[in-house]
Full PDB file with SEQRES, HELIX, SHEET, SSBOND, CRYST1, ORIGX, SCALE, CONECT and MASTER records, all heavy atoms in Angstrom:
SEQRES   1 A   32  GLU LYS ALA ARG ARG ASP TRP ALA GLU LEU ARG VAL ILE          
SEQRES   2 A   32  ARG LEU ARG ALA ASN ALA GLY HIS GLN ALA ALA LEU SER          
SEQRES   3 A   32  ALA GLY LEU MET ARG ALA                                      
HELIX    1 AA1 LYS A    2  ASP A    6  1                                   5    
HELIX    2 AA2 HIS A   21  ARG A   31  1                                  11    
CRYST1    1.000    1.000    1.000  90.00  90.00  90.00 P 1           1          
ORIGX1      1.000000  0.000000  0.000000        0.00000                         
ORIGX2      0.000000  1.000000  0.000000        0.00000                         
ORIGX3      0.000000  0.000000  1.000000        0.00000                         
SCALE1      1.000000  0.000000  0.000000        0.00000                         
SCALE2      0.000000  1.000000  0.000000        0.00000                         
SCALE3      0.000000  0.000000  1.000000        0.00000                         
ATOM      1  N   GLU A   1       7.694   5.381   0.777  1.00  0.00           N  
ATOM      2  CA  GLU A   1       8.088   4.752   2.022  1.00  0.00           C  
ATOM      3  C   GLU A   1       9.520   4.189   1.917  1.00  0.00           C  
ATOM      4  O   GLU A   1      10.287   4.276   2.895  1.00  0.00           O  
ATOM      5  CB  GLU A   1       7.123   3.619   2.397  1.00  0.00           C  
ATOM      6  CG  GLU A   1       5.803   4.103   2.870  1.00  0.00           C  
ATOM      7  CD  GLU A   1       5.889   5.012   4.097  1.00  0.00           C  
ATOM      8  OE1 GLU A   1       6.667   4.693   5.043  1.00  0.00           O  
ATOM      9  OE2 GLU A   1       5.261   6.077   4.058  1.00  0.00           O  
ATOM     10  N   LYS A   2       9.858   3.692   0.781  1.00  0.00           N  
ATOM     11  CA  LYS A   2      11.228   3.188   0.562  1.00  0.00           C  
ATOM     12  C   LYS A   2      12.245   4.330   0.645  1.00  0.00           C  
ATOM     13  O   LYS A   2      13.303   4.225   1.284  1.00  0.00           O  
ATOM     14  CB  LYS A   2      11.330   2.482  -0.795  1.00  0.00           C  
ATOM     15  CG  LYS A   2      12.726   1.961  -1.094  1.00  0.00           C  
ATOM     16  CD  LYS A   2      12.768   1.266  -2.443  1.00  0.00           C  
ATOM     17  CE  LYS A   2      14.179   0.727  -2.772  1.00  0.00           C  
ATOM     18  NZ  LYS A   2      14.239   0.106  -4.093  1.00  0.00           N  
ATOM     19  N   ALA A   3      11.921   5.477   0.000  1.00  0.00           N  
ATOM     20  CA  ALA A   3      12.795   6.645   0.065  1.00  0.00           C  
ATOM     21  C   ALA A   3      12.917   7.189   1.469  1.00  0.00           C  
ATOM     22  O   ALA A   3      13.969   7.683   1.855  1.00  0.00           O  
ATOM     23  CB  ALA A   3      12.282   7.688  -0.932  1.00  0.00           C  
ATOM     24  N   ARG A   4      11.857   7.098   2.222  1.00  0.00           N  
ATOM     25  CA  ARG A   4      11.842   7.667   3.567  1.00  0.00           C  
ATOM     26  C   ARG A   4      12.783   6.933   4.485  1.00  0.00           C  
ATOM     27  O   ARG A   4      13.326   7.492   5.463  1.00  0.00           O  
ATOM     28  CB  ARG A   4      10.429   7.630   4.110  1.00  0.00           C  
ATOM     29  CG  ARG A   4      10.205   8.493   5.353  1.00  0.00           C  
ATOM     30  CD  ARG A   4       8.718   8.584   5.684  1.00  0.00           C  
ATOM     31  NE  ARG A   4       8.204   7.377   6.165  1.00  0.00           N  
ATOM     32  CZ  ARG A   4       8.254   6.993   7.457  1.00  0.00           C  
ATOM     33  NH1 ARG A   4       8.783   7.761   8.356  1.00  0.00           N  
ATOM     34  NH2 ARG A   4       7.735   5.866   7.860  1.00  0.00           N  
ATOM     35  N   ARG A   5      13.012   5.633   4.245  1.00  0.00           N  
ATOM     36  CA  ARG A   5      13.957   4.884   5.078  1.00  0.00           C  
ATOM     37  C   ARG A   5      15.378   5.423   5.041  1.00  0.00           C  
ATOM     38  O   ARG A   5      16.124   5.311   6.011  1.00  0.00           O  
ATOM     39  CB  ARG A   5      13.954   3.401   4.664  1.00  0.00           C  
ATOM     40  CG  ARG A   5      12.567   2.731   4.822  1.00  0.00           C  
ATOM     41  CD  ARG A   5      12.729   1.236   4.642  1.00  0.00           C  
ATOM     42  NE  ARG A   5      11.436   0.568   4.457  1.00  0.00           N  
ATOM     43  CZ  ARG A   5      10.996   0.141   3.299  1.00  0.00           C  
ATOM     44  NH1 ARG A   5      11.747   0.226   2.215  1.00  0.00           N  
ATOM     45  NH2 ARG A   5       9.815  -0.410   3.174  1.00  0.00           N  
ATOM     46  N   ASP A   6      15.764   5.973   3.859  1.00  0.00           N  
ATOM     47  CA  ASP A   6      17.150   6.468   3.720  1.00  0.00           C  
ATOM     48  C   ASP A   6      17.163   7.998   3.801  1.00  0.00           C  
ATOM     49  O   ASP A   6      18.274   8.589   3.658  1.00  0.00           O  
ATOM     50  CB  ASP A   6      17.678   6.037   2.331  1.00  0.00           C  
ATOM     51  CG  ASP A   6      17.684   4.484   2.190  1.00  0.00           C  
ATOM     52  OD1 ASP A   6      18.012   3.852   3.187  1.00  0.00           O  
ATOM     53  OD2 ASP A   6      17.429   4.061   1.064  1.00  0.00           O  
ATOM     54  N   TRP A   7      16.054   8.637   4.025  1.00  0.00           N  
ATOM     55  CA  TRP A   7      16.026  10.103   4.020  1.00  0.00           C  
ATOM     56  C   TRP A   7      15.135  10.553   5.199  1.00  0.00           C  
ATOM     57  O   TRP A   7      13.926  10.645   5.073  1.00  0.00           O  
ATOM     58  CB  TRP A   7      15.476  10.651   2.709  1.00  0.00           C  
ATOM     59  CG  TRP A   7      15.714  12.099   2.432  1.00  0.00           C  
ATOM     60  CD1 TRP A   7      16.476  12.935   3.264  1.00  0.00           C  
ATOM     61  CD2 TRP A   7      15.258  12.851   1.364  1.00  0.00           C  
ATOM     62  NE1 TRP A   7      16.466  14.221   2.720  1.00  0.00           N  
ATOM     63  CE2 TRP A   7      15.759  14.177   1.544  1.00  0.00           C  
ATOM     64  CE3 TRP A   7      14.482  12.593   0.231  1.00  0.00           C  
ATOM     65  CZ2 TRP A   7      15.480  15.230   0.660  1.00  0.00           C  
ATOM     66  CZ3 TRP A   7      14.206  13.602  -0.618  1.00  0.00           C  
ATOM     67  CH2 TRP A   7      14.707  14.877  -0.458  1.00  0.00           C  
ATOM     68  N   ALA A   8      15.802  10.866   6.311  1.00  0.00           N  
ATOM     69  CA  ALA A   8      15.072  11.158   7.558  1.00  0.00           C  
ATOM     70  C   ALA A   8      14.218  12.447   7.418  1.00  0.00           C  
ATOM     71  O   ALA A   8      13.230  12.569   8.131  1.00  0.00           O  
ATOM     72  CB  ALA A   8      16.032  11.266   8.710  1.00  0.00           C  
ATOM     73  N   GLU A   9      14.639  13.335   6.557  1.00  0.00           N  
ATOM     74  CA  GLU A   9      13.887  14.600   6.410  1.00  0.00           C  
ATOM     75  C   GLU A   9      12.646  14.475   5.520  1.00  0.00           C  
ATOM     76  O   GLU A   9      11.918  15.461   5.392  1.00  0.00           O  
ATOM     77  CB  GLU A   9      14.812  15.659   5.809  1.00  0.00           C  
ATOM     78  CG  GLU A   9      15.955  16.126   6.736  1.00  0.00           C  
ATOM     79  CD  GLU A   9      17.138  15.166   6.724  1.00  0.00           C  
ATOM     80  OE1 GLU A   9      17.099  14.187   5.928  1.00  0.00           O  
ATOM     81  OE2 GLU A   9      18.105  15.395   7.470  1.00  0.00           O  
ATOM     82  N   LEU A  10      12.419  13.306   5.000  1.00  0.00           N  
ATOM     83  CA  LEU A  10      11.281  13.118   4.112  1.00  0.00           C  
ATOM     84  C   LEU A  10      10.029  12.751   4.972  1.00  0.00           C  
ATOM     85  O   LEU A  10      10.062  11.751   5.710  1.00  0.00           O  
ATOM     86  CB  LEU A  10      11.555  12.009   3.093  1.00  0.00           C  
ATOM     87  CG  LEU A  10      10.428  11.701   2.117  1.00  0.00           C  
ATOM     88  CD1 LEU A  10      10.020  12.902   1.291  1.00  0.00           C  
ATOM     89  CD2 LEU A  10      10.813  10.513   1.191  1.00  0.00           C  
ATOM     90  N   ARG A  11       9.008  13.506   4.812  1.00  0.00           N  
ATOM     91  CA  ARG A  11       7.721  13.254   5.479  1.00  0.00           C  
ATOM     92  C   ARG A  11       6.668  12.963   4.429  1.00  0.00           C  
ATOM     93  O   ARG A  11       6.521  13.690   3.481  1.00  0.00           O  
ATOM     94  CB  ARG A  11       7.305  14.487   6.289  1.00  0.00           C  
ATOM     95  CG  ARG A  11       5.980  14.396   7.020  1.00  0.00           C  
ATOM     96  CD  ARG A  11       5.682  15.678   7.776  1.00  0.00           C  
ATOM     97  NE  ARG A  11       4.500  15.591   8.589  1.00  0.00           N  
ATOM     98  CZ  ARG A  11       4.032  16.605   9.323  1.00  0.00           C  
ATOM     99  NH1 ARG A  11       4.676  17.707   9.419  1.00  0.00           N  
ATOM    100  NH2 ARG A  11       2.902  16.436  10.042  1.00  0.00           N  
ATOM    101  N   VAL A  12       5.946  11.898   4.627  1.00  0.00           N  
ATOM    102  CA  VAL A  12       4.914  11.442   3.668  1.00  0.00           C  
ATOM    103  C   VAL A  12       3.506  11.610   4.291  1.00  0.00           C  
ATOM    104  O   VAL A  12       3.243  11.100   5.377  1.00  0.00           O  
ATOM    105  CB  VAL A  12       5.133   9.987   3.214  1.00  0.00           C  
ATOM    106  CG1 VAL A  12       4.046   9.562   2.249  1.00  0.00           C  
ATOM    107  CG2 VAL A  12       6.517   9.841   2.620  1.00  0.00           C  
ATOM    108  N   ILE A  13       2.669  12.326   3.580  1.00  0.00           N  
ATOM    109  CA  ILE A  13       1.271  12.482   3.954  1.00  0.00           C  
ATOM    110  C   ILE A  13       0.422  11.893   2.808  1.00  0.00           C  
ATOM    111  O   ILE A  13       0.637  12.230   1.648  1.00  0.00           O  
ATOM    112  CB  ILE A  13       0.897  13.974   4.160  1.00  0.00           C  
ATOM    113  CG1 ILE A  13       1.697  14.542   5.318  1.00  0.00           C  
ATOM    114  CG2 ILE A  13      -0.591  14.138   4.404  1.00  0.00           C  
ATOM    115  CD1 ILE A  13       1.567  16.030   5.523  1.00  0.00           C  
ATOM    116  N   ARG A  14      -0.478  10.988   3.204  1.00  0.00           N  
ATOM    117  CA  ARG A  14      -1.280  10.301   2.196  1.00  0.00           C  
ATOM    118  C   ARG A  14      -2.765  10.699   2.352  1.00  0.00           C  
ATOM    119  O   ARG A  14      -3.325  10.609   3.444  1.00  0.00           O  
ATOM    120  CB  ARG A  14      -1.099   8.832   2.312  1.00  0.00           C  
ATOM    121  CG  ARG A  14      -1.756   8.035   1.138  1.00  0.00           C  
ATOM    122  CD  ARG A  14      -1.397   6.554   1.271  1.00  0.00           C  
ATOM    123  NE  ARG A  14       0.084   6.375   1.442  1.00  0.00           N  
ATOM    124  CZ  ARG A  14       0.603   5.535   2.305  1.00  0.00           C  
ATOM    125  NH1 ARG A  14      -0.165   4.801   3.065  1.00  0.00           N  
ATOM    126  NH2 ARG A  14       1.920   5.440   2.379  1.00  0.00           N  
ATOM    127  N   LEU A  15      -3.394  11.181   1.308  1.00  0.00           N  
ATOM    128  CA  LEU A  15      -4.811  11.493   1.322  1.00  0.00           C  
ATOM    129  C   LEU A  15      -5.641  10.261   1.044  1.00  0.00           C  
ATOM    130  O   LEU A  15      -5.207   9.353   0.300  1.00  0.00           O  
ATOM    131  CB  LEU A  15      -5.102  12.576   0.302  1.00  0.00           C  
ATOM    132  CG  LEU A  15      -4.334  13.874   0.419  1.00  0.00           C  
ATOM    133  CD1 LEU A  15      -4.887  14.925  -0.594  1.00  0.00           C  
ATOM    134  CD2 LEU A  15      -4.348  14.437   1.815  1.00  0.00           C  
ATOM    135  N   ARG A  16      -6.826  10.168   1.592  1.00  0.00           N  
ATOM    136  CA  ARG A  16      -7.657   9.018   1.444  1.00  0.00           C  
ATOM    137  C   ARG A  16      -8.170   8.847  -0.010  1.00  0.00           C  
ATOM    138  O   ARG A  16      -8.435   7.728  -0.459  1.00  0.00           O  
ATOM    139  CB  ARG A  16      -8.878   9.085   2.377  1.00  0.00           C  
ATOM    140  CG  ARG A  16      -8.485   8.972   3.844  1.00  0.00           C  
ATOM    141  CD  ARG A  16      -9.686   8.755   4.731  1.00  0.00           C  
ATOM    142  NE  ARG A  16      -9.267   8.581   6.140  1.00  0.00           N  
ATOM    143  CZ  ARG A  16      -8.897   7.463   6.676  1.00  0.00           C  
ATOM    144  NH1 ARG A  16      -8.878   6.354   5.897  1.00  0.00           N  
ATOM    145  NH2 ARG A  16      -8.528   7.377   7.902  1.00  0.00           N  
ATOM    146  N   ALA A  17      -8.348   9.917  -0.699  1.00  0.00           N  
ATOM    147  CA  ALA A  17      -8.766   9.879  -2.096  1.00  0.00           C  
ATOM    148  C   ALA A  17      -8.166  11.058  -2.859  1.00  0.00           C  
ATOM    149  O   ALA A  17      -7.751  12.047  -2.255  1.00  0.00           O  
ATOM    150  CB  ALA A  17     -10.312   9.953  -2.157  1.00  0.00           C  
ATOM    151  N   ASN A  18      -8.189  10.935  -4.161  1.00  0.00           N  
ATOM    152  CA  ASN A  18      -7.673  12.020  -4.982  1.00  0.00           C  
ATOM    153  C   ASN A  18      -8.532  13.305  -4.773  1.00  0.00           C  
ATOM    154  O   ASN A  18      -9.756  13.304  -5.044  1.00  0.00           O  
ATOM    155  CB  ASN A  18      -7.702  11.617  -6.465  1.00  0.00           C  
ATOM    156  CG  ASN A  18      -7.135  12.710  -7.373  1.00  0.00           C  
ATOM    157  OD1 ASN A  18      -7.935  13.300  -8.124  1.00  0.00           O  
ATOM    158  ND2 ASN A  18      -5.845  12.997  -7.306  1.00  0.00           N  
ATOM    159  N   ALA A  19      -7.879  14.344  -4.306  1.00  0.00           N  
ATOM    160  CA  ALA A  19      -8.611  15.631  -3.987  1.00  0.00           C  
ATOM    161  C   ALA A  19      -8.251  16.718  -4.957  1.00  0.00           C  
ATOM    162  O   ALA A  19      -8.875  17.745  -4.957  1.00  0.00           O  
ATOM    163  CB  ALA A  19      -8.303  16.050  -2.561  1.00  0.00           C  
ATOM    164  N   GLY A  20      -7.247  16.502  -5.832  1.00  0.00           N  
ATOM    165  CA  GLY A  20      -6.825  17.538  -6.737  1.00  0.00           C  
ATOM    166  C   GLY A  20      -5.562  18.198  -6.342  1.00  0.00           C  
ATOM    167  O   GLY A  20      -5.148  18.203  -5.170  1.00  0.00           O  
ATOM    168  N   HIS A  21      -4.870  18.783  -7.312  1.00  0.00           N  
ATOM    169  CA  HIS A  21      -3.559  19.348  -7.154  1.00  0.00           C  
ATOM    170  C   HIS A  21      -3.580  20.517  -6.101  1.00  0.00           C  
ATOM    171  O   HIS A  21      -2.717  20.536  -5.210  1.00  0.00           O  
ATOM    172  CB  HIS A  21      -3.054  19.909  -8.469  1.00  0.00           C  
ATOM    173  CG  HIS A  21      -1.691  20.492  -8.445  1.00  0.00           C  
ATOM    174  ND1 HIS A  21      -1.438  21.863  -8.351  1.00  0.00           N  
ATOM    175  CD2 HIS A  21      -0.481  19.897  -8.496  1.00  0.00           C  
ATOM    176  CE1 HIS A  21      -0.151  22.078  -8.359  1.00  0.00           C  
ATOM    177  NE2 HIS A  21       0.450  20.930  -8.415  1.00  0.00           N  
ATOM    178  N   GLN A  22      -4.575  21.437  -6.220  1.00  0.00           N  
ATOM    179  CA  GLN A  22      -4.643  22.541  -5.267  1.00  0.00           C  
ATOM    180  C   GLN A  22      -4.922  22.121  -3.845  1.00  0.00           C  
ATOM    181  O   GLN A  22      -4.371  22.631  -2.875  1.00  0.00           O  
ATOM    182  CB  GLN A  22      -5.615  23.565  -5.777  1.00  0.00           C  
ATOM    183  CG  GLN A  22      -5.324  24.161  -7.110  1.00  0.00           C  
ATOM    184  CD  GLN A  22      -4.024  24.969  -7.119  1.00  0.00           C  
ATOM    185  OE1 GLN A  22      -3.799  25.871  -6.291  1.00  0.00           O  
ATOM    186  NE2 GLN A  22      -3.080  24.555  -8.012  1.00  0.00           N  
ATOM    187  N   ALA A  23      -5.781  21.104  -3.710  1.00  0.00           N  
ATOM    188  CA  ALA A  23      -6.105  20.565  -2.386  1.00  0.00           C  
ATOM    189  C   ALA A  23      -4.902  19.869  -1.766  1.00  0.00           C  
ATOM    190  O   ALA A  23      -4.646  20.029  -0.568  1.00  0.00           O  
ATOM    191  CB  ALA A  23      -7.280  19.604  -2.464  1.00  0.00           C  
ATOM    192  N   ALA A  24      -4.135  19.149  -2.589  1.00  0.00           N  
ATOM    193  CA  ALA A  24      -2.940  18.488  -2.053  1.00  0.00           C  
ATOM    194  C   ALA A  24      -1.918  19.539  -1.585  1.00  0.00           C  
ATOM    195  O   ALA A  24      -1.246  19.350  -0.578  1.00  0.00           O  
ATOM    196  CB  ALA A  24      -2.376  17.566  -3.107  1.00  0.00           C  
ATOM    197  N   LEU A  25      -1.765  20.611  -2.378  1.00  0.00           N  
ATOM    198  CA  LEU A  25      -0.901  21.645  -1.977  1.00  0.00           C  
ATOM    199  C   LEU A  25      -1.301  22.283  -0.630  1.00  0.00           C  
ATOM    200  O   LEU A  25      -0.517  22.534   0.243  1.00  0.00           O  
ATOM    201  CB  LEU A  25      -0.834  22.729  -3.037  1.00  0.00           C  
ATOM    202  CG  LEU A  25       0.181  22.537  -4.239  1.00  0.00           C  
ATOM    203  CD1 LEU A  25      -0.049  23.667  -5.255  1.00  0.00           C  
ATOM    204  CD2 LEU A  25       1.559  22.478  -3.750  1.00  0.00           C  
ATOM    205  N   SER A  26      -2.631  22.491  -0.470  1.00  0.00           N  
ATOM    206  CA  SER A  26      -3.155  23.086   0.705  1.00  0.00           C  
ATOM    207  C   SER A  26      -2.909  22.177   1.892  1.00  0.00           C  
ATOM    208  O   SER A  26      -2.560  22.658   2.990  1.00  0.00           O  
ATOM    209  CB  SER A  26      -4.688  23.306   0.582  1.00  0.00           C  
ATOM    210  OG  SER A  26      -4.924  24.261  -0.430  1.00  0.00           O  
ATOM    211  N   ALA A  27      -3.033  20.851   1.713  1.00  0.00           N  
ATOM    212  CA  ALA A  27      -2.761  19.892   2.771  1.00  0.00           C  
ATOM    213  C   ALA A  27      -1.284  19.987   3.209  1.00  0.00           C  
ATOM    214  O   ALA A  27      -0.995  19.931   4.422  1.00  0.00           O  
ATOM    215  CB  ALA A  27      -3.078  18.437   2.315  1.00  0.00           C  
ATOM    216  N   GLY A  28      -0.426  20.118   2.263  1.00  0.00           N  
ATOM    217  CA  GLY A  28       1.044  20.198   2.601  1.00  0.00           C  
ATOM    218  C   GLY A  28       1.356  21.484   3.320  1.00  0.00           C  
ATOM    219  O   GLY A  28       2.146  21.484   4.273  1.00  0.00           O  
ATOM    220  N   LEU A  29       0.702  22.628   2.903  1.00  0.00           N  
ATOM    221  CA  LEU A  29       0.971  23.876   3.554  1.00  0.00           C  
ATOM    222  C   LEU A  29       0.465  23.855   5.021  1.00  0.00           C  
ATOM    223  O   LEU A  29       1.055  24.503   5.891  1.00  0.00           O  
ATOM    224  CB  LEU A  29       0.277  25.021   2.831  1.00  0.00           C  
ATOM    225  CG  LEU A  29       0.853  25.343   1.425  1.00  0.00           C  
ATOM    226  CD1 LEU A  29       0.075  26.480   0.744  1.00  0.00           C  
ATOM    227  CD2 LEU A  29       2.309  25.715   1.487  1.00  0.00           C  
ATOM    228  N   MET A  30      -0.658  23.166   5.244  1.00  0.00           N  
ATOM    229  CA  MET A  30      -1.176  23.087   6.599  1.00  0.00           C  
ATOM    230  C   MET A  30      -0.238  22.329   7.504  1.00  0.00           C  
ATOM    231  O   MET A  30      -0.169  22.609   8.730  1.00  0.00           O  
ATOM    232  CB  MET A  30      -2.526  22.378   6.600  1.00  0.00           C  
ATOM    233  CG  MET A  30      -3.687  23.230   6.026  1.00  0.00           C  
ATOM    234  SD  MET A  30      -4.015  24.668   7.072  1.00  0.00           S  
ATOM    235  CE  MET A  30      -4.602  23.901   8.558  1.00  0.00           C  
ATOM    236  N   ARG A  31       0.576  21.419   7.004  1.00  0.00           N  
ATOM    237  CA  ARG A  31       1.419  20.550   7.831  1.00  0.00           C  
ATOM    238  C   ARG A  31       2.912  20.971   7.801  1.00  0.00           C  
ATOM    239  O   ARG A  31       3.712  20.567   8.616  1.00  0.00           O  
ATOM    240  CB  ARG A  31       1.297  19.115   7.379  1.00  0.00           C  
ATOM    241  CG  ARG A  31      -0.115  18.538   7.477  1.00  0.00           C  
ATOM    242  CD  ARG A  31      -0.221  17.571   8.557  1.00  0.00           C  
ATOM    243  NE  ARG A  31      -1.652  17.231   8.888  1.00  0.00           N  
ATOM    244  CZ  ARG A  31      -2.028  16.199   9.512  1.00  0.00           C  
ATOM    245  NH1 ARG A  31      -1.152  15.330   9.943  1.00  0.00           N  
ATOM    246  NH2 ARG A  31      -3.281  15.962   9.816  1.00  0.00           N  
ATOM    247  N   ALA A  32       3.261  21.840   6.855  1.00  0.00           N  
ATOM    248  CA  ALA A  32       4.662  22.308   6.812  1.00  0.00           C  
ATOM    249  C   ALA A  32       4.970  23.157   7.964  1.00  0.00           C  
ATOM    250  O   ALA A  32       4.177  24.015   8.389  1.00  0.00           O  
ATOM    251  CB  ALA A  32       4.886  23.006   5.460  1.00  0.00           C  
TER     252      ALA A  32                                                      
MASTER        0    0    0    2    0    0    0    6  251    1    0    3          
END                                                                             
């Protein structure tokens, strides 16, 4: 969140619980 204040192109998505590396990648691909 601190980095996002100075970098408008940064988008942060937070998962409710640890889902694993591949699931996190999938979440990012769905929103990219």
